[in-house]
């Protein structure tokens, strides 16, 4: 991965992350689809601090969480232990996943694929997912539907994107600036952190944009059939105004589709 692009360490601070990311509008969607494989083995990639993993486990799903960030996993384990919810959390890079089992459902929530900055990173994830997915299993993930008008209108403007308090007593304000790289399809986002009324640091939140036809073609190329493509977590029709791309896929069991 090009080290030029990254997500700042402060963003992955467990308490900073949890204080900002309290939204669970995606939980009912993933819960509905997980129920289609009742008693199945579930794998969540980029599980973070267990925002979805823990409530899904509490709902009776046999779920394992995978993330590549130690701080996030420690926060997830702490929360799960406090709630007496036994969950296996594994530290691993989803681009080179090597687990001993195959799963009924694998999902990547919360726009996480945007941190795969070049094509090969994304292709490696698709290969890993296909290797770990049962023949009749589902692969689900969500990401943004790029809005060029929003990007252009927001470039070089400073806007407040978050104000919140953390569990460990920090008052956080985040101001955002961004610029878009046409060549790489990467939106260079900078989050300016102010903690307890004082400037703390600037943290990168770079995201790679995936355009709809591009994303569909990559999935087909690497052996996945798109069963549904939604524009929102209430399973709205995907159209020109959709803010999200939410995909439900199955793997094509035919090696000629593998690149």
C-alpha atoms as a PDB file:
ATOM      1  CA  UNK A   1       0.000   0.000   0.000  1.00  0.00           C
ATOM      2  CA  UNK A   2       1.276   3.498  -0.848  1.00  0.00           C
ATOM      3  CA  UNK A   3       2.358   5.025   2.480  1.00  0.00           C
ATOM      4  CA  UNK A   4       1.420   8.414   1.059  1.00  0.00           C
ATOM      5  CA  UNK A   5      -2.195   7.643   1.876  1.00  0.00           C
ATOM      6  CA  UNK A   6      -3.346   6.770   5.366  1.00  0.00           C
ATOM      7  CA  UNK A   7      -5.732   7.143   8.258  1.00  0.00           C
ATOM      8  CA  UNK A   8      -4.214   9.002  11.202  1.00  0.00           C
ATOM      9  CA  UNK A   9      -3.447   7.186  14.451  1.00  0.00           C
ATOM     10  CA  UNK A  10      -5.668   9.466  16.541  1.00  0.00           C
ATOM     11  CA  UNK A  11      -8.677   8.480  14.419  1.00  0.00           C
ATOM     12  CA  UNK A  12      -8.038   4.875  15.480  1.00  0.00           C
ATOM     13  CA  UNK A  13      -7.841   5.771  19.168  1.00  0.00           C
ATOM     14  CA  UNK A  14     -10.608   3.578  20.608  1.00  0.00           C
ATOM     15  CA  UNK A  15     -12.295   6.274  22.708  1.00  0.00           C
ATOM     16  CA  UNK A  16     -11.950   8.946  20.016  1.00  0.00           C
ATOM     17  CA  UNK A  17     -13.461   6.545  17.489  1.00  0.00           C
ATOM     18  CA  UNK A  18     -16.353   5.432  19.680  1.00  0.00           C
ATOM     19  CA  UNK A  19     -17.215   8.973  20.720  1.00  0.00           C
ATOM     20  CA  UNK A  20     -17.722   9.956  17.094  1.00  0.00           C
ATOM     21  CA  UNK A  21     -19.171   6.762  15.651  1.00  0.00           C
ATOM     22  CA  UNK A  22     -22.394   6.182  17.556  1.00  0.00           C
ATOM     23  CA  UNK A  23     -24.619   5.732  14.507  1.00  0.00           C
ATOM     24  CA  UNK A  24     -26.079   2.235  14.038  1.00  0.00           C
ATOM     25  CA  UNK A  25     -28.418   2.808  11.093  1.00  0.00           C
ATOM     26  CA  UNK A  26     -26.649  -0.065   9.324  1.00  0.00           C
ATOM     27  CA  UNK A  27     -27.249  -2.563  12.138  1.00  0.00           C
ATOM     28  CA  UNK A  28     -30.825  -3.577  11.124  1.00  0.00           C
ATOM     29  CA  UNK A  29     -29.670  -4.151   7.545  1.00  0.00           C
ATOM     30  CA  UNK A  30     -26.820  -6.473   8.463  1.00  0.00           C
ATOM     31  CA  UNK A  31     -28.973  -8.185  11.079  1.00  0.00           C
ATOM     32  CA  UNK A  32     -31.656  -8.968   8.468  1.00  0.00           C
ATOM     33  CA  UNK A  33     -29.152 -10.542   6.113  1.00  0.00           C
ATOM     34  CA  UNK A  34     -27.333 -12.497   8.801  1.00  0.00           C
ATOM     35  CA  UNK A  35     -30.640 -14.101   9.739  1.00  0.00           C
ATOM     36  CA  UNK A  36     -30.815 -15.616   6.251  1.00  0.00           C
ATOM     37  CA  UNK A  37     -28.041 -17.971   7.415  1.00  0.00           C
ATOM     38  CA  UNK A  38     -29.467 -18.898  10.784  1.00  0.00           C
ATOM     39  CA  UNK A  39     -26.828 -20.543  12.990  1.00  0.00           C
ATOM     40  CA  UNK A  40     -24.231 -19.850  10.301  1.00  0.00           C
ATOM     41  CA  UNK A  41     -20.631 -18.823  10.836  1.00  0.00           C
ATOM     42  CA  UNK A  42     -20.209 -15.078  10.323  1.00  0.00           C
ATOM     43  CA  UNK A  43     -17.018 -13.141   9.641  1.00  0.00           C
ATOM     44  CA  UNK A  44     -16.878  -9.360   9.996  1.00  0.00           C
ATOM     45  CA  UNK A  45     -13.861  -7.697   8.412  1.00  0.00           C
ATOM     46  CA  UNK A  46     -12.789  -4.258   9.640  1.00  0.00           C
ATOM     47  CA  UNK A  47     -14.806  -4.772  12.807  1.00  0.00           C
ATOM     48  CA  UNK A  48     -13.205  -1.795  14.554  1.00  0.00           C
ATOM     49  CA  UNK A  49     -14.287  -1.467  18.173  1.00  0.00           C
ATOM     50  CA  UNK A  50     -17.159  -3.920  17.782  1.00  0.00           C
ATOM     51  CA  UNK A  51     -19.836  -1.339  16.949  1.00  0.00           C
ATOM     52  CA  UNK A  52     -21.760  -4.017  15.000  1.00  0.00           C
ATOM     53  CA  UNK A  53     -19.970  -7.166  16.158  1.00  0.00           C
ATOM     54  CA  UNK A  54     -21.156  -6.933  19.756  1.00  0.00           C
ATOM     55  CA  UNK A  55     -24.892  -6.305  19.172  1.00  0.00           C
ATOM     56  CA  UNK A  56     -24.959  -8.973  16.459  1.00  0.00           C
ATOM     57  CA  UNK A  57     -23.367 -11.467  18.858  1.00  0.00           C
ATOM     58  CA  UNK A  58     -25.871 -10.457  21.541  1.00  0.00           C
ATOM     59  CA  UNK A  59     -28.598 -11.252  19.013  1.00  0.00           C
ATOM     60  CA  UNK A  60     -27.333 -14.836  18.896  1.00  0.00           C
ATOM     61  CA  UNK A  61     -25.097 -14.818  15.834  1.00  0.00           C
ATOM     62  CA  UNK A  62     -21.893 -16.855  15.803  1.00  0.00           C
ATOM     63  CA  UNK A  63     -19.630 -14.014  14.710  1.00  0.00           C
ATOM     64  CA  UNK A  64     -15.880 -13.429  14.586  1.00  0.00           C
ATOM     65  CA  UNK A  65     -14.424  -9.932  14.255  1.00  0.00           C
ATOM     66  CA  UNK A  66     -11.250  -9.175  12.311  1.00  0.00           C
ATOM     67  CA  UNK A  67      -9.331  -5.905  12.286  1.00  0.00           C
ATOM     68  CA  UNK A  68      -5.750  -4.869  11.639  1.00  0.00           C
ATOM     69  CA  UNK A  69      -5.568  -2.219  14.355  1.00  0.00           C
ATOM     70  CA  UNK A  70      -4.523  -3.248  17.868  1.00  0.00           C
ATOM     71  CA  UNK A  71      -6.056  -0.237  19.633  1.00  0.00           C
ATOM     72  CA  UNK A  72      -9.447  -0.833  18.054  1.00  0.00           C
ATOM     73  CA  UNK A  73      -9.398  -4.541  18.899  1.00  0.00           C
ATOM     74  CA  UNK A  74      -8.486  -3.862  22.529  1.00  0.00           C
ATOM     75  CA  UNK A  75     -11.442  -1.501  22.787  1.00  0.00           C
ATOM     76  CA  UNK A  76     -13.720  -4.122  21.197  1.00  0.00           C
ATOM     77  CA  UNK A  77     -12.529  -6.835  23.580  1.00  0.00           C
ATOM     78  CA  UNK A  78     -12.969  -4.563  26.595  1.00  0.00           C
ATOM     79  CA  UNK A  79     -16.549  -3.686  25.632  1.00  0.00           C
ATOM     80  CA  UNK A  80     -17.454  -7.300  24.863  1.00  0.00           C
ATOM     81  CA  UNK A  81     -16.042  -8.455  28.210  1.00  0.00           C
ATOM     82  CA  UNK A  82     -17.929  -5.753  30.103  1.00  0.00           C
ATOM     83  CA  UNK A  83     -21.141  -6.929  28.449  1.00  0.00           C
ATOM     84  CA  UNK A  84     -20.249 -10.584  29.093  1.00  0.00           C
ATOM     85  CA  UNK A  85     -20.516 -11.285  25.375  1.00  0.00           C
ATOM     86  CA  UNK A  86     -17.927 -13.867  24.288  1.00  0.00           C
ATOM     87  CA  UNK A  87     -16.544 -12.985  20.851  1.00  0.00           C
ATOM     88  CA  UNK A  88     -13.345 -14.037  19.128  1.00  0.00           C
ATOM     89  CA  UNK A  89     -11.482 -11.014  17.802  1.00  0.00           C
ATOM     90  CA  UNK A  90      -8.561 -11.613  15.437  1.00  0.00           C
ATOM     91  CA  UNK A  91      -5.839  -9.209  14.346  1.00  0.00           C
ATOM     92  CA  UNK A  92      -5.296  -9.687  10.629  1.00  0.00           C
ATOM     93  CA  UNK A  93      -4.976  -7.781   7.375  1.00  0.00           C
ATOM     94  CA  UNK A  94      -7.989  -8.587   5.207  1.00  0.00           C
ATOM     95  CA  UNK A  95      -5.819  -8.388   2.090  1.00  0.00           C
ATOM     96  CA  UNK A  96      -3.908 -11.485   3.205  1.00  0.00           C
ATOM     97  CA  UNK A  97      -6.476 -13.294   5.313  1.00  0.00           C
ATOM     98  CA  UNK A  98      -5.568 -16.854   6.266  1.00  0.00           C
ATOM     99  CA  UNK A  99      -8.135 -18.416   8.597  1.00  0.00           C
ATOM    100  CA  UNK A 100      -8.806 -22.151   9.041  1.00  0.00           C
ATOM    101  CA  UNK A 101     -12.564 -21.969   8.385  1.00  0.00           C
ATOM    102  CA  UNK A 102     -14.982 -20.923   5.681  1.00  0.00           C
ATOM    103  CA  UNK A 103     -18.001 -18.778   6.464  1.00  0.00           C
ATOM    104  CA  UNK A 104     -21.671 -18.501   5.597  1.00  0.00           C
ATOM    105  CA  UNK A 105     -21.525 -14.705   5.506  1.00  0.00           C
ATOM    106  CA  UNK A 106     -18.593 -12.325   5.253  1.00  0.00           C
ATOM    107  CA  UNK A 107     -19.254  -8.607   5.508  1.00  0.00           C
ATOM    108  CA  UNK A 108     -17.217  -5.396   5.462  1.00  0.00           C
ATOM    109  CA  UNK A 109     -19.242  -2.544   6.960  1.00  0.00           C
ATOM    110  CA  UNK A 110     -18.935   1.189   7.479  1.00  0.00           C
ATOM    111  CA  UNK A 111     -17.262   2.260   4.229  1.00  0.00           C
ATOM    112  CA  UNK A 112     -14.078   0.393   5.114  1.00  0.00           C
ATOM    113  CA  UNK A 113     -13.131  -0.490   1.536  1.00  0.00           C
ATOM    114  CA  UNK A 114     -12.388   3.207   0.961  1.00  0.00           C
ATOM    115  CA  UNK A 115      -9.078   2.686   2.763  1.00  0.00           C
ATOM    116  CA  UNK A 116      -7.896   0.296   0.056  1.00  0.00           C
ATOM    117  CA  UNK A 117      -5.987   2.861  -1.914  1.00  0.00           C
ATOM    118  CA  UNK A 118      -5.037   1.005  -5.069  1.00  0.00           C
ATOM    119  CA  UNK A 119      -6.732  -1.623  -7.208  1.00  0.00           C
ATOM    120  CA  UNK A 120      -4.510  -4.509  -6.142  1.00  0.00           C
ATOM    121  CA  UNK A 121      -5.389  -3.935  -2.485  1.00  0.00           C
ATOM    122  CA  UNK A 122      -9.070  -4.305  -3.319  1.00  0.00           C
ATOM    123  CA  UNK A 123      -8.448  -7.286  -5.588  1.00  0.00           C
ATOM    124  CA  UNK A 124      -6.514  -9.027  -2.801  1.00  0.00           C
ATOM    125  CA  UNK A 125      -9.469  -8.529  -0.458  1.00  0.00           C
ATOM    126  CA  UNK A 126     -11.834 -10.063  -3.012  1.00  0.00           C
ATOM    127  CA  UNK A 127      -9.507 -13.060  -3.389  1.00  0.00           C
ATOM    128  CA  UNK A 128      -9.335 -13.493   0.394  1.00  0.00           C
ATOM    129  CA  UNK A 129     -13.095 -13.227   0.776  1.00  0.00           C
ATOM    130  CA  UNK A 130     -13.764 -15.749  -1.962  1.00  0.00           C
ATOM    131  CA  UNK A 131     -11.323 -18.232  -0.401  1.00  0.00           C
ATOM    132  CA  UNK A 132     -13.061 -17.952   2.979  1.00  0.00           C
ATOM    133  CA  UNK A 133     -16.684 -17.973   1.757  1.00  0.00           C
ATOM    134  CA  UNK A 134     -18.849 -21.069   1.478  1.00  0.00           C
ATOM    135  CA  UNK A 135     -20.205 -21.851  -1.960  1.00  0.00           C
ATOM    136  CA  UNK A 136     -23.709 -20.719  -1.015  1.00  0.00           C
ATOM    137  CA  UNK A 137     -22.514 -17.902   1.255  1.00  0.00           C
ATOM    138  CA  UNK A 138     -23.112 -14.170   1.051  1.00  0.00           C
ATOM    139  CA  UNK A 139     -20.584 -11.352   0.781  1.00  0.00           C
ATOM    140  CA  UNK A 140     -21.926  -7.972   1.854  1.00  0.00           C
ATOM    141  CA  UNK A 141     -20.341  -4.539   2.096  1.00  0.00           C
ATOM    142  CA  UNK A 142     -21.202  -0.868   1.901  1.00  0.00           C
ATOM    143  CA  UNK A 143     -19.431   2.208   0.609  1.00  0.00           C
ATOM    144  CA  UNK A 144     -20.201   5.711  -0.605  1.00  0.00           C
ATOM    145  CA  UNK A 145     -21.572   6.536  -4.029  1.00  0.00           C
ATOM    146  CA  UNK A 146     -19.148   9.274  -5.153  1.00  0.00           C
ATOM    147  CA  UNK A 147     -20.739  12.710  -5.306  1.00  0.00           C
ATOM    148  CA  UNK A 148     -18.534  14.856  -7.507  1.00  0.00           C
ATOM    149  CA  UNK A 149     -20.663  17.967  -6.955  1.00  0.00           C
ATOM    150  CA  UNK A 150     -20.160  17.685  -3.184  1.00  0.00           C
ATOM    151  CA  UNK A 151     -16.413  17.122  -3.566  1.00  0.00           C
ATOM    152  CA  UNK A 152     -15.970  20.133  -5.838  1.00  0.00           C
ATOM    153  CA  UNK A 153     -18.068  22.442  -3.658  1.00  0.00           C
ATOM    154  CA  UNK A 154     -16.233  21.342  -0.495  1.00  0.00           C
ATOM    155  CA  UNK A 155     -12.657  21.549  -1.743  1.00  0.00           C
ATOM    156  CA  UNK A 156     -10.422  23.830   0.321  1.00  0.00           C
ATOM    157  CA  UNK A 157     -13.271  24.823   2.637  1.00  0.00           C
ATOM    158  CA  UNK A 158     -12.965  24.251   6.373  1.00  0.00           C
ATOM    159  CA  UNK A 159     -16.109  22.819   7.936  1.00  0.00           C
ATOM    160  CA  UNK A 160     -16.891  21.390  11.366  1.00  0.00           C
ATOM    161  CA  UNK A 161     -17.766  17.715  10.947  1.00  0.00           C
ATOM    162  CA  UNK A 162     -18.018  16.581  14.571  1.00  0.00           C
ATOM    163  CA  UNK A 163     -18.369  17.767  18.180  1.00  0.00           C
ATOM    164  CA  UNK A 164     -18.539  15.180  20.952  1.00  0.00           C
ATOM    165  CA  UNK A 165     -17.345  13.977  24.339  1.00  0.00           C
ATOM    166  CA  UNK A 166     -15.356  10.784  24.781  1.00  0.00           C
ATOM    167  CA  UNK A 167     -15.804   8.148  27.455  1.00  0.00           C
ATOM    168  CA  UNK A 168     -12.452   9.124  28.960  1.00  0.00           C
ATOM    169  CA  UNK A 169     -13.419  12.783  29.355  1.00  0.00           C
ATOM    170  CA  UNK A 170     -12.128  14.546  26.246  1.00  0.00           C
ATOM    171  CA  UNK A 171     -14.117  17.257  24.476  1.00  0.00           C
ATOM    172  CA  UNK A 172     -13.443  16.867  20.764  1.00  0.00           C
ATOM    173  CA  UNK A 173     -14.098  19.178  17.821  1.00  0.00           C
ATOM    174  CA  UNK A 174     -13.085  18.101  14.315  1.00  0.00           C
ATOM    175  CA  UNK A 175     -12.756  20.545  11.407  1.00  0.00           C
ATOM    176  CA  UNK A 176     -12.339  19.137   7.902  1.00  0.00           C
ATOM    177  CA  UNK A 177     -10.542  20.255   4.768  1.00  0.00           C
ATOM    178  CA  UNK A 178     -10.155  18.153   1.635  1.00  0.00           C
ATOM    179  CA  UNK A 179      -8.910  18.044  -1.936  1.00  0.00           C
ATOM    180  CA  UNK A 180      -9.532  15.429  -4.617  1.00  0.00           C
ATOM    181  CA  UNK A 181      -6.904  13.702  -6.775  1.00  0.00           C
ATOM    182  CA  UNK A 182      -8.397  12.952 -10.183  1.00  0.00           C
ATOM    183  CA  UNK A 183      -5.612  10.556 -11.180  1.00  0.00           C
ATOM    184  CA  UNK A 184      -5.874   8.255  -8.158  1.00  0.00           C
ATOM    185  CA  UNK A 185      -9.578   8.747  -7.259  1.00  0.00           C
ATOM    186  CA  UNK A 186      -8.439   9.516  -3.720  1.00  0.00           C
ATOM    187  CA  UNK A 187     -10.077  12.222  -1.671  1.00  0.00           C
ATOM    188  CA  UNK A 188      -7.333  13.724   0.517  1.00  0.00           C
ATOM    189  CA  UNK A 189      -9.203  14.551   3.714  1.00  0.00           C
ATOM    190  CA  UNK A 190      -7.562  16.239   6.692  1.00  0.00           C
ATOM    191  CA  UNK A 191      -9.232  16.285  10.088  1.00  0.00           C
ATOM    192  CA  UNK A 192      -8.058  19.116  12.346  1.00  0.00           C
ATOM    193  CA  UNK A 193      -8.525  17.951  15.947  1.00  0.00           C
ATOM    194  CA  UNK A 194      -9.229  20.333  18.807  1.00  0.00           C
ATOM    195  CA  UNK A 195      -9.280  18.593  22.202  1.00  0.00           C
ATOM    196  CA  UNK A 196     -10.474  20.310  25.377  1.00  0.00           C
ATOM    197  CA  UNK A 197     -10.494  23.638  23.565  1.00  0.00           C
ATOM    198  CA  UNK A 198      -6.953  23.440  22.199  1.00  0.00           C
ATOM    199  CA  UNK A 199      -5.584  22.450  18.796  1.00  0.00           C
ATOM    200  CA  UNK A 200      -4.143  18.941  18.983  1.00  0.00           C
ATOM    201  CA  UNK A 201      -3.143  17.708  15.517  1.00  0.00           C
ATOM    202  CA  UNK A 202      -4.044  17.203  11.873  1.00  0.00           C
ATOM    203  CA  UNK A 203      -4.927  13.619  11.003  1.00  0.00           C
ATOM    204  CA  UNK A 204      -5.278  12.203   7.494  1.00  0.00           C
ATOM    205  CA  UNK A 205      -8.555  10.488   6.591  1.00  0.00           C
ATOM    206  CA  UNK A 206      -7.780   9.647   2.959  1.00  0.00           C
ATOM    207  CA  UNK A 207     -10.432   7.665   1.103  1.00  0.00           C
ATOM    208  CA  UNK A 208     -10.347   5.971  -2.295  1.00  0.00           C
ATOM    209  CA  UNK A 209     -13.566   6.440  -4.229  1.00  0.00           C
ATOM    210  CA  UNK A 210     -15.164   3.552  -6.114  1.00  0.00           C
ATOM    211  CA  UNK A 211     -17.509   4.515  -8.918  1.00  0.00           C
ATOM    212  CA  UNK A 212     -20.574   2.299  -9.433  1.00  0.00           C
ATOM    213  CA  UNK A 213     -19.792   0.684 -12.795  1.00  0.00           C
ATOM    214  CA  UNK A 214     -16.142   0.279 -11.824  1.00  0.00           C
ATOM    215  CA  UNK A 215     -17.073  -1.509  -8.597  1.00  0.00           C
ATOM    216  CA  UNK A 216     -19.550  -3.805 -10.340  1.00  0.00           C
ATOM    217  CA  UNK A 217     -16.949  -4.755 -12.948  1.00  0.00           C
ATOM    218  CA  UNK A 218     -14.315  -5.571 -10.316  1.00  0.00           C
ATOM    219  CA  UNK A 219     -16.700  -7.849  -8.460  1.00  0.00           C
ATOM    220  CA  UNK A 220     -17.605  -9.744 -11.622  1.00  0.00           C
ATOM    221  CA  UNK A 221     -13.952 -10.000 -12.674  1.00  0.00           C
ATOM    222  CA  UNK A 222     -13.006 -11.595  -9.362  1.00  0.00           C
ATOM    223  CA  UNK A 223     -15.826 -14.106  -9.318  1.00  0.00           C
ATOM    224  CA  UNK A 224     -18.789 -12.493  -7.567  1.00  0.00           C
ATOM    225  CA  UNK A 225     -22.370 -12.139  -8.712  1.00  0.00           C
ATOM    226  CA  UNK A 226     -24.232  -9.101  -7.414  1.00  0.00           C
ATOM    227  CA  UNK A 227     -27.548 -10.320  -5.998  1.00  0.00           C
ATOM    228  CA  UNK A 228     -28.711  -6.888  -4.824  1.00  0.00           C
ATOM    229  CA  UNK A 229     -27.381  -3.365  -4.981  1.00  0.00           C
ATOM    230  CA  UNK A 230     -29.151  -0.940  -2.689  1.00  0.00           C
ATOM    231  CA  UNK A 231     -28.901   2.807  -2.285  1.00  0.00           C
ATOM    232  CA  UNK A 232     -29.608   2.814   1.452  1.00  0.00           C
ATOM    233  CA  UNK A 233     -29.818   0.573   4.495  1.00  0.00           C
ATOM    234  CA  UNK A 234     -33.602   0.327   4.202  1.00  0.00           C
ATOM    235  CA  UNK A 235     -32.903  -1.453   0.913  1.00  0.00           C
ATOM    236  CA  UNK A 236     -33.898   1.497  -1.224  1.00  0.00           C
ATOM    237  CA  UNK A 237     -33.397   1.208  -4.974  1.00  0.00           C
ATOM    238  CA  UNK A 238     -29.915   2.278  -6.070  1.00  0.00           C
ATOM    239  CA  UNK A 239     -30.239   5.292  -8.330  1.00  0.00           C
ATOM    240  CA  UNK A 240     -28.542   8.529  -9.365  1.00  0.00           C
ATOM    241  CA  UNK A 241     -29.328  10.211  -6.032  1.00  0.00           C
ATOM    242  CA  UNK A 242     -28.159   7.375  -3.784  1.00  0.00           C
ATOM    243  CA  UNK A 243     -25.541   8.359  -1.220  1.00  0.00           C
ATOM    244  CA  UNK A 244     -24.515   4.735  -0.637  1.00  0.00           C
ATOM    245  CA  UNK A 245     -23.650   1.603  -2.578  1.00  0.00           C
ATOM    246  CA  UNK A 246     -24.729  -1.404  -0.523  1.00  0.00           C
ATOM    247  CA  UNK A 247     -23.949  -4.722  -2.160  1.00  0.00           C
ATOM    248  CA  UNK A 248     -25.086  -8.286  -1.533  1.00  0.00           C
ATOM    249  CA  UNK A 249     -23.018 -10.790  -3.506  1.00  0.00           C
ATOM    250  CA  UNK A 250     -22.493 -14.502  -3.966  1.00  0.00           C
ATOM    251  CA  UNK A 251     -19.392 -16.079  -5.384  1.00  0.00           C
ATOM    252  CA  UNK A 252     -19.434 -17.608  -8.836  1.00  0.00           C
ATOM    253  CA  UNK A 253     -18.134 -21.153  -8.540  1.00  0.00           C
ATOM    254  CA  UNK A 254     -16.346 -21.120 -11.855  1.00  0.00           C
ATOM    255  CA  UNK A 255     -12.587 -20.612 -12.017  1.00  0.00           C
ATOM    256  CA  UNK A 256     -12.785 -18.929 -15.399  1.00  0.00           C
ATOM    257  CA  UNK A 257     -14.197 -15.881 -13.639  1.00  0.00           C
ATOM    258  CA  UNK A 258     -11.106 -15.525 -11.474  1.00  0.00           C
ATOM    259  CA  UNK A 259      -8.512 -13.084 -12.703  1.00  0.00           C
END
